[in-house]
Amino acid sequence: MEKVGNHAVVMNDTSLSTIIFPLKGIRNFEVFLPQMMARVAELFGKHGKGFDGSNQTVVILPRSNRSIIGTMNDAKSFI
């Protein structure tokens, strides 16, 4: 990860459910992904929902990707 900020916004692209994930001490994707998936599973569990972490597609997009601006604006308003 280049120029990592303090937090990542993790979003379900269907529901726009959004999680703010702290990036303190995380400097590469190999560390980020398992921690992020565990956090998502934890939050699903708190709401009584199942989460199959091995059956997910994860896409990492830079903030500069103009195709997600609308979704990111929605996420910011939800946050």
PDB file of N, CA and C in Angstrom:
ATOM      1  N   MET A   1       0.848  -1.176   0.000  1.00  0.00           N
ATOM      2  CA  MET A   1       0.000   0.000   0.000  1.00  0.00           C
ATOM      3  C   MET A   1       0.892   1.236   0.000  1.00  0.00           C
ATOM      4  N   GLU A   2       0.653   2.106  -0.910  1.00  0.00           N
ATOM      5  CA  GLU A   2       1.401   3.350  -0.944  1.00  0.00           C
ATOM      6  C   GLU A   2       0.583   4.449  -0.284  1.00  0.00           C
ATOM      7  N   LYS A   3       1.247   5.298   0.474  1.00  0.00           N
ATOM      8  CA  LYS A   3       0.605   6.447   1.114  1.00  0.00           C
ATOM      9  C   LYS A   3      -0.673   6.049   1.848  1.00  0.00           C
ATOM     10  N   VAL A   4      -0.546   5.100   2.727  1.00  0.00           N
ATOM     11  CA  VAL A   4      -1.697   4.639   3.495  1.00  0.00           C
ATOM     12  C   VAL A   4      -2.143   5.724   4.454  1.00  0.00           C
ATOM     13  N   GLY A   5      -3.445   5.952   4.514  1.00  0.00           N
ATOM     14  CA  GLY A   5      -3.999   6.927   5.443  1.00  0.00           C
ATOM     15  C   GLY A   5      -4.238   6.283   6.792  1.00  0.00           C
ATOM     16  N   ASN A   6      -5.073   6.911   7.604  1.00  0.00           N
ATOM     17  CA  ASN A   6      -5.360   6.411   8.944  1.00  0.00           C
ATOM     18  C   ASN A   6      -6.476   5.379   8.978  1.00  0.00           C
ATOM     19  N   HIS A   7      -7.376   5.424   7.997  1.00  0.00           N
ATOM     20  CA  HIS A   7      -8.536   4.545   7.990  1.00  0.00           C
ATOM     21  C   HIS A   7      -8.881   4.114   6.569  1.00  0.00           C
ATOM     22  N   ALA A   8      -9.552   2.971   6.478  1.00  0.00           N
ATOM     23  CA  ALA A   8     -10.112   2.521   5.207  1.00  0.00           C
ATOM     24  C   ALA A   8     -11.627   2.503   5.360  1.00  0.00           C
ATOM     25  N   VAL A   9     -12.327   2.826   4.288  1.00  0.00           N
ATOM     26  CA  VAL A   9     -13.775   2.697   4.261  1.00  0.00           C
ATOM     27  C   VAL A   9     -14.065   1.394   3.532  1.00  0.00           C
ATOM     28  N   VAL A  10     -14.708   0.467   4.239  1.00  0.00           N
ATOM     29  CA  VAL A  10     -15.063  -0.831   3.670  1.00  0.00           C
ATOM     30  C   VAL A  10     -16.564  -0.823   3.459  1.00  0.00           C
ATOM     31  N   MET A  11     -16.996  -1.140   2.230  1.00  0.00           N
ATOM     32  CA  MET A  11     -18.404  -1.008   1.900  1.00  0.00           C
ATOM     33  C   MET A  11     -18.920  -2.221   1.146  1.00  0.00           C
ATOM     34  N   ASN A  12     -20.130  -2.644   1.494  1.00  0.00           N
ATOM     35  CA  ASN A  12     -20.832  -3.643   0.711  1.00  0.00           C
ATOM     36  C   ASN A  12     -21.456  -2.904  -0.457  1.00  0.00           C
ATOM     37  N   ASP A  13     -21.128  -3.305  -1.681  1.00  0.00           N
ATOM     38  CA  ASP A  13     -21.568  -2.531  -2.842  1.00  0.00           C
ATOM     39  C   ASP A  13     -23.058  -2.674  -3.134  1.00  0.00           C
ATOM     40  N   THR A  14     -23.742  -3.614  -2.501  1.00  0.00           N
ATOM     41  CA  THR A  14     -25.182  -3.761  -2.702  1.00  0.00           C
ATOM     42  C   THR A  14     -25.973  -2.974  -1.672  1.00  0.00           C
ATOM     43  N   SER A  15     -25.638  -3.164  -0.406  1.00  0.00           N
ATOM     44  CA  SER A  15     -26.408  -2.527   0.668  1.00  0.00           C
ATOM     45  C   SER A  15     -25.855  -1.162   1.060  1.00  0.00           C
ATOM     46  N   LEU A  16     -24.641  -0.847   0.645  1.00  0.00           N
ATOM     47  CA  LEU A  16     -23.916   0.347   1.052  1.00  0.00           C
ATOM     48  C   LEU A  16     -23.627   0.356   2.552  1.00  0.00           C
ATOM     49  N   SER A  17     -23.730  -0.817   3.198  1.00  0.00           N
ATOM     50  CA  SER A  17     -23.305  -0.924   4.590  1.00  0.00           C
ATOM     51  C   SER A  17     -21.825  -0.574   4.633  1.00  0.00           C
ATOM     52  N   THR A  18     -21.454   0.265   5.568  1.00  0.00           N
ATOM     53  CA  THR A  18     -20.116   0.821   5.586  1.00  0.00           C
ATOM     54  C   THR A  18     -19.456   0.602   6.933  1.00  0.00           C
ATOM     55  N   ILE A  19     -18.180   0.241   6.898  1.00  0.00           N
ATOM     56  CA  ILE A  19     -17.376   0.062   8.097  1.00  0.00           C
ATOM     57  C   ILE A  19     -16.138   0.929   7.952  1.00  0.00           C
ATOM     58  N   ILE A  20     -15.806   1.661   8.994  1.00  0.00           N
ATOM     59  CA  ILE A  20     -14.542   2.396   9.031  1.00  0.00           C
ATOM     60  C   ILE A  20     -13.537   1.476   9.711  1.00  0.00           C
ATOM     61  N   PHE A  21     -12.430   1.197   9.031  1.00  0.00           N
ATOM     62  CA  PHE A  21     -11.440   0.262   9.532  1.00  0.00           C
ATOM     63  C   PHE A  21     -10.136   1.003   9.806  1.00  0.00           C
ATOM     64  N   PRO A  22      -9.657   1.012  11.058  1.00  0.00           N
ATOM     65  CA  PRO A  22      -8.389   1.696  11.350  1.00  0.00           C
ATOM     66  C   PRO A  22      -7.211   0.969  10.713  1.00  0.00           C
ATOM     67  N   LEU A  23      -6.270   1.724  10.200  1.00  0.00           N
ATOM     68  CA  LEU A  23      -5.112   1.141   9.514  1.00  0.00           C
ATOM     69  C   LEU A  23      -3.815   1.257  10.309  1.00  0.00           C
ATOM     70  N   LYS A  24      -3.904   1.590  11.589  1.00  0.00           N
ATOM     71  CA  LYS A  24      -2.703   1.730  12.403  1.00  0.00           C
ATOM     72  C   LYS A  24      -1.917   0.418  12.389  1.00  0.00           C
ATOM     73  N   GLY A  25      -0.665   0.487  11.989  1.00  0.00           N
ATOM     74  CA  GLY A  25       0.209  -0.672  11.949  1.00  0.00           C
ATOM     75  C   GLY A  25       0.033  -1.558  10.727  1.00  0.00           C
ATOM     76  N   ILE A  26      -0.907  -1.239   9.859  1.00  0.00           N
ATOM     77  CA  ILE A  26      -1.144  -2.048   8.656  1.00  0.00           C
ATOM     78  C   ILE A  26      -0.490  -1.351   7.470  1.00  0.00           C
ATOM     79  N   ARG A  27       0.417  -2.047   6.830  1.00  0.00           N
ATOM     80  CA  ARG A  27       1.134  -1.442   5.703  1.00  0.00           C
ATOM     81  C   ARG A  27       1.086  -2.287   4.439  1.00  0.00           C
ATOM     82  N   ASN A  28       0.337  -3.413   4.476  1.00  0.00           N
ATOM     83  CA  ASN A  28       0.215  -4.190   3.248  1.00  0.00           C
ATOM     84  C   ASN A  28      -1.108  -4.944   3.240  1.00  0.00           C
ATOM     85  N   PHE A  29      -1.488  -5.359   2.071  1.00  0.00           N
ATOM     86  CA  PHE A  29      -2.774  -6.016   1.864  1.00  0.00           C
ATOM     87  C   PHE A  29      -2.852  -7.356   2.589  1.00  0.00           C
ATOM     88  N   GLU A  30      -1.731  -8.064   2.680  1.00  0.00           N
ATOM     89  CA  GLU A  30      -1.706  -9.377   3.315  1.00  0.00           C
ATOM     90  C   GLU A  30      -2.072  -9.296   4.798  1.00  0.00           C
ATOM     91  N   VAL A  31      -1.777  -8.187   5.447  1.00  0.00           N
ATOM     92  CA  VAL A  31      -2.158  -7.978   6.844  1.00  0.00           C
ATOM     93  C   VAL A  31      -3.593  -7.443   6.923  1.00  0.00           C
ATOM     94  N   PHE A  32      -3.935  -6.544   6.020  1.00  0.00           N
ATOM     95  CA  PHE A  32      -5.248  -5.896   6.036  1.00  0.00           C
ATOM     96  C   PHE A  32      -6.392  -6.872   5.811  1.00  0.00           C
ATOM     97  N   LEU A  33      -6.287  -7.721   4.786  1.00  0.00           N
ATOM     98  CA  LEU A  33      -7.421  -8.551   4.374  1.00  0.00           C
ATOM     99  C   LEU A  33      -7.949  -9.465   5.484  1.00  0.00           C
ATOM    100  N   PRO A  34      -7.118 -10.270   6.153  1.00  0.00           N
ATOM    101  CA  PRO A  34      -7.687 -11.136   7.193  1.00  0.00           C
ATOM    102  C   PRO A  34      -8.286 -10.358   8.362  1.00  0.00           C
ATOM    103  N   GLN A  35      -7.671  -9.239   8.716  1.00  0.00           N
ATOM    104  CA  GLN A  35      -8.218  -8.426   9.808  1.00  0.00           C
ATOM    105  C   GLN A  35      -9.556  -7.801   9.418  1.00  0.00           C
ATOM    106  N   MET A  36      -9.642  -7.330   8.192  1.00  0.00           N
ATOM    107  CA  MET A  36     -10.876  -6.733   7.709  1.00  0.00           C
ATOM    108  C   MET A  36     -11.986  -7.781   7.640  1.00  0.00           C
ATOM    109  N   MET A  37     -11.684  -8.961   7.124  1.00  0.00           N
ATOM    110  CA  MET A  37     -12.695 -10.018   7.017  1.00  0.00           C
ATOM    111  C   MET A  37     -13.174 -10.458   8.401  1.00  0.00           C
ATOM    112  N   ALA A  38     -12.276 -10.534   9.369  1.00  0.00           N
ATOM    113  CA  ALA A  38     -12.663 -10.900  10.736  1.00  0.00           C
ATOM    114  C   ALA A  38     -13.591  -9.847  11.332  1.00  0.00           C
ATOM    115  N   ARG A  39     -13.303  -8.584  11.066  1.00  0.00           N
ATOM    116  CA  ARG A  39     -14.144  -7.493  11.580  1.00  0.00           C
ATOM    117  C   ARG A  39     -15.531  -7.539  10.953  1.00  0.00           C
ATOM    118  N   VAL A  40     -15.598  -7.790   9.657  1.00  0.00           N
ATOM    119  CA  VAL A  40     -16.897  -7.890   8.983  1.00  0.00           C
ATOM    120  C   VAL A  40     -17.690  -9.060   9.564  1.00  0.00           C
ATOM    121  N   ALA A  41     -17.054 -10.202   9.761  1.00  0.00           N
ATOM    122  CA  ALA A  41     -17.729 -11.369  10.339  1.00  0.00           C
ATOM    123  C   ALA A  41     -18.245 -11.049  11.740  1.00  0.00           C
ATOM    124  N   GLU A  42     -17.448 -10.336  12.522  1.00  0.00           N
ATOM    125  CA  GLU A  42     -17.852  -9.939  13.875  1.00  0.00           C
ATOM    126  C   GLU A  42     -19.101  -9.062  13.838  1.00  0.00           C
ATOM    127  N   LEU A  43     -19.111  -8.092  12.946  1.00  0.00           N
ATOM    128  CA  LEU A  43     -20.254  -7.180  12.858  1.00  0.00           C
ATOM    129  C   LEU A  43     -21.507  -7.897  12.357  1.00  0.00           C
ATOM    130  N   PHE A  44     -21.354  -8.800  11.395  1.00  0.00           N
ATOM    131  CA  PHE A  44     -22.498  -9.581  10.931  1.00  0.00           C
ATOM    132  C   PHE A  44     -23.065 -10.391  12.097  1.00  0.00           C
ATOM    133  N   GLY A  45     -22.168 -11.023  12.872  1.00  0.00           N
ATOM    134  CA  GLY A  45     -22.581 -11.829  14.008  1.00  0.00           C
ATOM    135  C   GLY A  45     -23.358 -11.029  15.039  1.00  0.00           C
ATOM    136  N   LYS A  46     -22.934  -9.792  15.281  1.00  0.00           N
ATOM    137  CA  LYS A  46     -23.636  -8.930  16.240  1.00  0.00           C
ATOM    138  C   LYS A  46     -25.076  -8.662  15.824  1.00  0.00           C
ATOM    139  N   HIS A  47     -25.341  -8.764  14.528  1.00  0.00           N
ATOM    140  CA  HIS A  47     -26.684  -8.531  14.004  1.00  0.00           C
ATOM    141  C   HIS A  47     -27.401  -9.838  13.687  1.00  0.00           C
ATOM    142  N   GLY A  48     -26.835 -10.950  14.178  1.00  0.00           N
ATOM    143  CA  GLY A  48     -27.473 -12.249  13.981  1.00  0.00           C
ATOM    144  C   GLY A  48     -27.413 -12.773  12.564  1.00  0.00           C
ATOM    145  N   LYS A  49     -26.462 -12.301  11.792  1.00  0.00           N
ATOM    146  CA  LYS A  49     -26.323 -12.722  10.393  1.00  0.00           C
ATOM    147  C   LYS A  49     -25.084 -13.603  10.233  1.00  0.00           C
ATOM    148  N   GLY A  50     -25.173 -14.560   9.358  1.00  0.00           N
ATOM    149  CA  GLY A  50     -24.009 -15.381   9.042  1.00  0.00           C
ATOM    150  C   GLY A  50     -23.120 -14.688   8.034  1.00  0.00           C
ATOM    151  N   PHE A  51     -21.851 -15.031   8.056  1.00  0.00           N
ATOM    152  CA  PHE A  51     -20.902 -14.445   7.110  1.00  0.00           C
ATOM    153  C   PHE A  51     -19.887 -15.505   6.716  1.00  0.00           C
ATOM    154  N   ASP A  52     -19.838 -15.840   5.449  1.00  0.00           N
ATOM    155  CA  ASP A  52     -18.895 -16.826   4.932  1.00  0.00           C
ATOM    156  C   ASP A  52     -17.705 -16.085   4.324  1.00  0.00           C
ATOM    157  N   GLY A  53     -16.673 -15.886   5.133  1.00  0.00           N
ATOM    158  CA  GLY A  53     -15.501 -15.124   4.686  1.00  0.00           C
ATOM    159  C   GLY A  53     -14.735 -15.760   3.554  1.00  0.00           C
ATOM    160  N   SER A  54     -14.896 -17.063   3.355  1.00  0.00           N
ATOM    161  CA  SER A  54     -14.166 -17.729   2.271  1.00  0.00           C
ATOM    162  C   SER A  54     -14.919 -17.669   0.950  1.00  0.00           C
ATOM    163  N   ASN A  55     -16.107 -17.074   0.949  1.00  0.00           N
ATOM    164  CA  ASN A  55     -16.911 -16.993  -0.263  1.00  0.00           C
ATOM    165  C   ASN A  55     -17.239 -15.530  -0.577  1.00  0.00           C
ATOM    166  N   GLN A  56     -16.211 -14.694  -0.613  1.00  0.00           N
ATOM    167  CA  GLN A  56     -16.382 -13.265  -0.837  1.00  0.00           C
ATOM    168  C   GLN A  56     -15.450 -12.800  -1.948  1.00  0.00           C
ATOM    169  N   THR A  57     -15.839 -11.728  -2.597  1.00  0.00           N
ATOM    170  CA  THR A  57     -14.974 -11.065  -3.552  1.00  0.00           C
ATOM    171  C   THR A  57     -14.598  -9.713  -2.960  1.00  0.00           C
ATOM    172  N   VAL A  58     -13.314  -9.441  -2.889  1.00  0.00           N
ATOM    173  CA  VAL A  58     -12.832  -8.183  -2.334  1.00  0.00           C
ATOM    174  C   VAL A  58     -12.148  -7.408  -3.447  1.00  0.00           C
ATOM    175  N   VAL A  59     -12.556  -6.156  -3.619  1.00  0.00           N
ATOM    176  CA  VAL A  59     -11.963  -5.289  -4.628  1.00  0.00           C
ATOM    177  C   VAL A  59     -11.444  -4.055  -3.906  1.00  0.00           C
ATOM    178  N   ILE A  60     -10.180  -3.742  -4.117  1.00  0.00           N
ATOM    179  CA  ILE A  60      -9.572  -2.555  -3.526  1.00  0.00           C
ATOM    180  C   ILE A  60      -9.471  -1.490  -4.608  1.00  0.00           C
ATOM    181  N   LEU A  61     -10.095  -0.341  -4.362  1.00  0.00           N
ATOM    182  CA  LEU A  61     -10.089   0.742  -5.338  1.00  0.00           C
ATOM    183  C   LEU A  61      -9.530   2.006  -4.706  1.00  0.00           C
ATOM    184  N   PRO A  62      -8.716   2.757  -5.437  1.00  0.00           N
ATOM    185  CA  PRO A  62      -8.204   4.020  -4.909  1.00  0.00           C
ATOM    186  C   PRO A  62      -9.316   5.065  -4.876  1.00  0.00           C
ATOM    187  N   ARG A  63      -9.148   6.028  -3.993  1.00  0.00           N
ATOM    188  CA  ARG A  63     -10.134   7.117  -3.903  1.00  0.00           C
ATOM    189  C   ARG A  63     -10.260   7.872  -5.207  1.00  0.00           C
ATOM    190  N   SER A  64      -9.234   7.857  -6.014  1.00  0.00           N
ATOM    191  CA  SER A  64      -9.253   8.616  -7.266  1.00  0.00           C
ATOM    192  C   SER A  64     -10.044   7.912  -8.361  1.00  0.00           C
ATOM    193  N   ASN A  65     -10.528   6.694  -8.114  1.00  0.00           N
ATOM    194  CA  ASN A  65     -11.310   5.975  -9.108  1.00  0.00           C
ATOM    195  C   ASN A  65     -12.662   6.671  -9.265  1.00  0.00           C
ATOM    196  N   ARG A  66     -12.864   7.383 -10.359  1.00  0.00           N
ATOM    197  CA  ARG A  66     -14.053   8.213 -10.558  1.00  0.00           C
ATOM    198  C   ARG A  66     -15.331   7.384 -10.698  1.00  0.00           C
ATOM    199  N   SER A  67     -15.239   6.090 -10.972  1.00  0.00           N
ATOM    200  CA  SER A  67     -16.445   5.277 -11.144  1.00  0.00           C
ATOM    201  C   SER A  67     -17.167   5.019  -9.835  1.00  0.00           C
ATOM    202  N   ILE A  68     -16.527   5.290  -8.676  1.00  0.00           N
ATOM    203  CA  ILE A  68     -17.187   5.027  -7.398  1.00  0.00           C
ATOM    204  C   ILE A  68     -17.525   6.295  -6.631  1.00  0.00           C
ATOM    205  N   ILE A  69     -17.410   7.453  -7.251  1.00  0.00           N
ATOM    206  CA  ILE A  69     -17.642   8.718  -6.550  1.00  0.00           C
ATOM    207  C   ILE A  69     -19.042   8.768  -5.953  1.00  0.00           C
ATOM    208  N   GLY A  70     -20.080   8.398  -6.709  1.00  0.00           N
ATOM    209  CA  GLY A  70     -21.439   8.437  -6.172  1.00  0.00           C
ATOM    210  C   GLY A  70     -21.581   7.538  -4.964  1.00  0.00           C
ATOM    211  N   THR A  71     -21.071   6.344  -5.048  1.00  0.00           N
ATOM    212  CA  THR A  71     -21.151   5.409  -3.939  1.00  0.00           C
ATOM    213  C   THR A  71     -20.394   5.941  -2.739  1.00  0.00           C
ATOM    214  N   MET A  72     -19.230   6.509  -2.938  1.00  0.00           N
ATOM    215  CA  MET A  72     -18.461   7.054  -1.838  1.00  0.00           C
ATOM    216  C   MET A  72     -19.181   8.243  -1.209  1.00  0.00           C
ATOM    217  N   ASN A  73     -19.836   9.074  -2.012  1.00  0.00           N
ATOM    218  CA  ASN A  73     -20.611  10.172  -1.454  1.00  0.00           C
ATOM    219  C   ASN A  73     -21.752   9.634  -0.598  1.00  0.00           C
ATOM    220  N   ASP A  74     -22.409   8.568  -1.062  1.00  0.00           N
ATOM    221  CA  ASP A  74     -23.457   7.937  -0.254  1.00  0.00           C
ATOM    222  C   ASP A  74     -22.880   7.407   1.043  1.00  0.00           C
ATOM    223  N   ALA A  75     -21.721   6.770   0.963  1.00  0.00           N
ATOM    224  CA  ALA A  75     -21.086   6.202   2.156  1.00  0.00           C
ATOM    225  C   ALA A  75     -20.755   7.299   3.165  1.00  0.00           C
ATOM    226  N   LYS A  76     -20.218   8.420   2.673  1.00  0.00           N
ATOM    227  CA  LYS A  76     -19.887   9.514   3.580  1.00  0.00           C
ATOM    228  C   LYS A  76     -21.127  10.043   4.280  1.00  0.00           C
ATOM    229  N   SER A  77     -22.236  10.119   3.565  1.00  0.00           N
ATOM    230  CA  SER A  77     -23.456  10.617   4.199  1.00  0.00           C
ATOM    231  C   SER A  77     -23.966   9.617   5.244  1.00  0.00           C
ATOM    232  N   PHE A  78     -23.821   8.308   4.999  1.00  0.00           N
ATOM    233  CA  PHE A  78     -24.218   7.299   5.983  1.00  0.00           C
ATOM    234  C   PHE A  78     -23.324   7.365   7.203  1.00  0.00           C
ATOM    235  N   ILE A  79     -22.032   7.580   6.984  1.00  0.00           N
ATOM    236  CA  ILE A  79     -21.072   7.625   8.087  1.00  0.00           C
ATOM    237  C   ILE A  79     -21.353   8.825   8.948  1.00  0.00           C
TER     238      ILE A  79
END
